[in-house]
Amino acid sequence: MEKIVTFEEFTKVDLRIGTIVEINDFPEARNPAYQLVIDFGALGIKKSSAQITTLYSKQDLLNRQVVAVINFPKKQIAKFMSECLVVGAVKDGDVFLLRPEMQVLNGSTVA
């Protein structure tokens, strides 16, 4: 088992639903990645770098809802500032994005 966290610690992680509204190639990244622009509704627009180029084309990602952690500190990746962390399940080194089963309001919390 991995490190145990308390429920209080878990509740500090702000997981939200957002819609990818723009995707750009990221040739400066150390590993193949996209630069994503994600709309979190009333919470605003945030950017994220995502190493998901092996499973997803830009066309697959446009207007797709995703789950992201929005309260991590910003992280500089090459000349790009990542403002949130898109989450997914990992299988054989590939990341499969998590998303709601049905369309929900951008900015919705994940419980």
C-alpha atoms as a PDB file:
ATOM      1  CA  MET A   1       0.000   0.000   0.000  1.00  0.00           C
ATOM      2  CA  GLU A   2       1.133   3.516  -0.735  1.00  0.00           C
ATOM      3  CA  LYS A   3       1.488   6.247   1.889  1.00  0.00           C
ATOM      4  CA  ILE A   4      -1.718   6.663   3.898  1.00  0.00           C
ATOM      5  CA  VAL A   5      -3.370  10.101   3.947  1.00  0.00           C
ATOM      6  CA  THR A   6      -6.107  11.231   6.260  1.00  0.00           C
ATOM      7  CA  PHE A   7      -9.513  12.321   5.001  1.00  0.00           C
ATOM      8  CA  GLU A   8      -8.643  15.869   6.073  1.00  0.00           C
ATOM      9  CA  GLU A   9      -5.501  15.774   3.921  1.00  0.00           C
ATOM     10  CA  PHE A  10      -7.483  14.458   0.929  1.00  0.00           C
ATOM     11  CA  THR A  11     -10.092  17.209   1.223  1.00  0.00           C
ATOM     12  CA  LYS A  12      -7.344  19.793   0.633  1.00  0.00           C
ATOM     13  CA  VAL A  13      -6.995  18.545  -2.967  1.00  0.00           C
ATOM     14  CA  ASP A  14      -9.343  20.594  -5.166  1.00  0.00           C
ATOM     15  CA  LEU A  15     -10.432  18.303  -8.021  1.00  0.00           C
ATOM     16  CA  ARG A  16     -12.618  20.020 -10.620  1.00  0.00           C
ATOM     17  CA  ILE A  17     -14.143  19.373 -14.016  1.00  0.00           C
ATOM     18  CA  GLY A  18     -13.028  21.511 -16.924  1.00  0.00           C
ATOM     19  CA  THR A  19     -13.362  21.500 -20.702  1.00  0.00           C
ATOM     20  CA  ILE A  20     -10.328  21.592 -22.975  1.00  0.00           C
ATOM     21  CA  VAL A  21     -10.823  24.587 -25.269  1.00  0.00           C
ATOM     22  CA  GLU A  22      -7.386  24.774 -26.903  1.00  0.00           C
ATOM     23  CA  ILE A  23      -4.559  22.310 -27.580  1.00  0.00           C
ATOM     24  CA  ASN A  24      -1.069  23.204 -28.773  1.00  0.00           C
ATOM     25  CA  ASP A  25       2.001  21.127 -29.555  1.00  0.00           C
ATOM     26  CA  PHE A  26       4.785  21.459 -27.002  1.00  0.00           C
ATOM     27  CA  PRO A  27       8.058  20.745 -28.819  1.00  0.00           C
ATOM     28  CA  GLU A  28      10.169  22.241 -25.983  1.00  0.00           C
ATOM     29  CA  ALA A  29       8.949  19.630 -23.486  1.00  0.00           C
ATOM     30  CA  ARG A  30      11.439  16.953 -22.445  1.00  0.00           C
ATOM     31  CA  ASN A  31       8.871  14.225 -23.213  1.00  0.00           C
ATOM     32  CA  PRO A  32       6.180  14.479 -25.919  1.00  0.00           C
ATOM     33  CA  ALA A  33       3.344  16.614 -24.539  1.00  0.00           C
ATOM     34  CA  TYR A  34       0.545  18.996 -25.367  1.00  0.00           C
ATOM     35  CA  GLN A  35      -0.169  22.403 -23.895  1.00  0.00           C
ATOM     36  CA  LEU A  36      -3.824  22.396 -22.853  1.00  0.00           C
ATOM     37  CA  VAL A  37      -6.051  25.390 -22.167  1.00  0.00           C
ATOM     38  CA  ILE A  38      -8.925  24.327 -19.891  1.00  0.00           C
ATOM     39  CA  ASP A  39     -12.120  26.220 -19.041  1.00  0.00           C
ATOM     40  CA  PHE A  40     -13.185  25.766 -15.406  1.00  0.00           C
ATOM     41  CA  GLY A  41     -16.272  27.986 -15.692  1.00  0.00           C
ATOM     42  CA  ALA A  42     -16.528  30.559 -12.911  1.00  0.00           C
ATOM     43  CA  LEU A  43     -13.043  29.515 -11.716  1.00  0.00           C
ATOM     44  CA  GLY A  44     -11.519  30.726 -14.987  1.00  0.00           C
ATOM     45  CA  ILE A  45      -9.168  29.385 -17.612  1.00  0.00           C
ATOM     46  CA  LYS A  46      -6.066  27.414 -16.628  1.00  0.00           C
ATOM     47  CA  LYS A  47      -3.205  25.899 -18.617  1.00  0.00           C
ATOM     48  CA  SER A  48      -1.662  22.472 -18.226  1.00  0.00           C
ATOM     49  CA  SER A  49       1.087  20.430 -19.837  1.00  0.00           C
ATOM     50  CA  ALA A  50       0.036  16.831 -20.449  1.00  0.00           C
ATOM     51  CA  GLN A  51       2.109  13.882 -21.684  1.00  0.00           C
ATOM     52  CA  ILE A  52      -0.796  12.237 -23.509  1.00  0.00           C
ATOM     53  CA  THR A  53       0.303  12.442 -27.143  1.00  0.00           C
ATOM     54  CA  THR A  54       0.545   8.659 -27.641  1.00  0.00           C
ATOM     55  CA  LEU A  55      -3.158   8.029 -26.954  1.00  0.00           C
ATOM     56  CA  TYR A  56      -4.873  11.312 -27.882  1.00  0.00           C
ATOM     57  CA  SER A  57      -4.825  13.516 -30.955  1.00  0.00           C
ATOM     58  CA  LYS A  58      -5.583  17.219 -30.658  1.00  0.00           C
ATOM     59  CA  GLN A  59      -8.926  16.527 -32.351  1.00  0.00           C
ATOM     60  CA  ASP A  60      -9.764  13.895 -29.672  1.00  0.00           C
ATOM     61  CA  LEU A  61      -9.113  16.422 -26.913  1.00  0.00           C
ATOM     62  CA  LEU A  62     -10.916  19.534 -28.135  1.00  0.00           C
ATOM     63  CA  ASN A  63     -14.103  20.127 -26.084  1.00  0.00           C
ATOM     64  CA  ARG A  64     -13.427  17.054 -23.928  1.00  0.00           C
ATOM     65  CA  GLN A  65     -14.164  17.369 -20.221  1.00  0.00           C
ATOM     66  CA  VAL A  66     -11.376  16.311 -17.872  1.00  0.00           C
ATOM     67  CA  VAL A  67     -10.658  16.039 -14.157  1.00  0.00           C
ATOM     68  CA  ALA A  68      -7.864  18.259 -12.832  1.00  0.00           C
ATOM     69  CA  VAL A  69      -6.276  19.335  -9.571  1.00  0.00           C
ATOM     70  CA  ILE A  70      -6.519  23.115  -9.596  1.00  0.00           C
ATOM     71  CA  ASN A  71      -4.860  24.036  -6.287  1.00  0.00           C
ATOM     72  CA  PHE A  72      -1.292  22.817  -6.860  1.00  0.00           C
ATOM     73  CA  PRO A  73       1.359  25.525  -7.160  1.00  0.00           C
ATOM     74  CA  LYS A  74       2.141  26.628 -10.721  1.00  0.00           C
ATOM     75  CA  LYS A  75       5.004  24.712 -12.336  1.00  0.00           C
ATOM     76  CA  GLN A  76       7.407  26.004 -14.980  1.00  0.00           C
ATOM     77  CA  ILE A  77       7.918  23.448 -17.773  1.00  0.00           C
ATOM     78  CA  ALA A  78      10.372  24.786 -20.365  1.00  0.00           C
ATOM     79  CA  LYS A  79       8.909  28.207 -21.306  1.00  0.00           C
ATOM     80  CA  PHE A  80       5.372  27.168 -20.299  1.00  0.00           C
ATOM     81  CA  MET A  81       3.664  27.752 -16.930  1.00  0.00           C
ATOM     82  CA  SER A  82       1.421  24.820 -15.974  1.00  0.00           C
ATOM     83  CA  GLU A  83      -1.385  25.955 -13.656  1.00  0.00           C
ATOM     84  CA  CYS A  84      -3.236  22.712 -12.974  1.00  0.00           C
ATOM     85  CA  LEU A  85      -2.711  18.953 -13.173  1.00  0.00           C
ATOM     86  CA  VAL A  86      -4.966  16.897 -15.434  1.00  0.00           C
ATOM     87  CA  VAL A  87      -5.413  13.431 -13.915  1.00  0.00           C
ATOM     88  CA  GLY A  88      -5.749  10.014 -15.442  1.00  0.00           C
ATOM     89  CA  ALA A  89      -5.264   6.308 -14.935  1.00  0.00           C
ATOM     90  CA  VAL A  90      -1.874   4.840 -15.871  1.00  0.00           C
ATOM     91  CA  LYS A  91      -1.555   1.583 -17.781  1.00  0.00           C
ATOM     92  CA  ASP A  92       1.749   0.397 -19.233  1.00  0.00           C
ATOM     93  CA  GLY A  93       3.160   3.911 -18.983  1.00  0.00           C
ATOM     94  CA  ASP A  94       0.273   5.557 -20.868  1.00  0.00           C
ATOM     95  CA  VAL A  95      -2.153   8.001 -19.224  1.00  0.00           C
ATOM     96  CA  PHE A  96      -5.883   7.507 -19.845  1.00  0.00           C
ATOM     97  CA  LEU A  97      -7.701  10.719 -18.980  1.00  0.00           C
ATOM     98  CA  LEU A  98     -10.469  10.650 -16.400  1.00  0.00           C
ATOM     99  CA  ARG A  99     -13.733  12.389 -17.245  1.00  0.00           C
ATOM    100  CA  PRO A 100     -17.325  12.507 -16.038  1.00  0.00           C
ATOM    101  CA  GLU A 101     -19.701   9.977 -17.545  1.00  0.00           C
ATOM    102  CA  MET A 102     -22.094  12.769 -18.528  1.00  0.00           C
ATOM    103  CA  GLN A 103     -21.527  16.425 -19.424  1.00  0.00           C
ATOM    104  CA  VAL A 104     -21.427  18.566 -16.260  1.00  0.00           C
ATOM    105  CA  LEU A 105     -20.937  22.243 -15.507  1.00  0.00           C
ATOM    106  CA  ASN A 106     -17.326  23.403 -15.839  1.00  0.00           C
ATOM    107  CA  GLY A 107     -15.878  23.994 -12.394  1.00  0.00           C
ATOM    108  CA  SER A 108     -17.957  21.220 -10.797  1.00  0.00           C
ATOM    109  CA  THR A 109     -16.245  19.584  -7.835  1.00  0.00           C
ATOM    110  CA  VAL A 110     -15.217  15.948  -7.857  1.00  0.00           C
ATOM    111  CA  ALA A 111     -16.466  14.100  -4.784  1.00  0.00           C
END
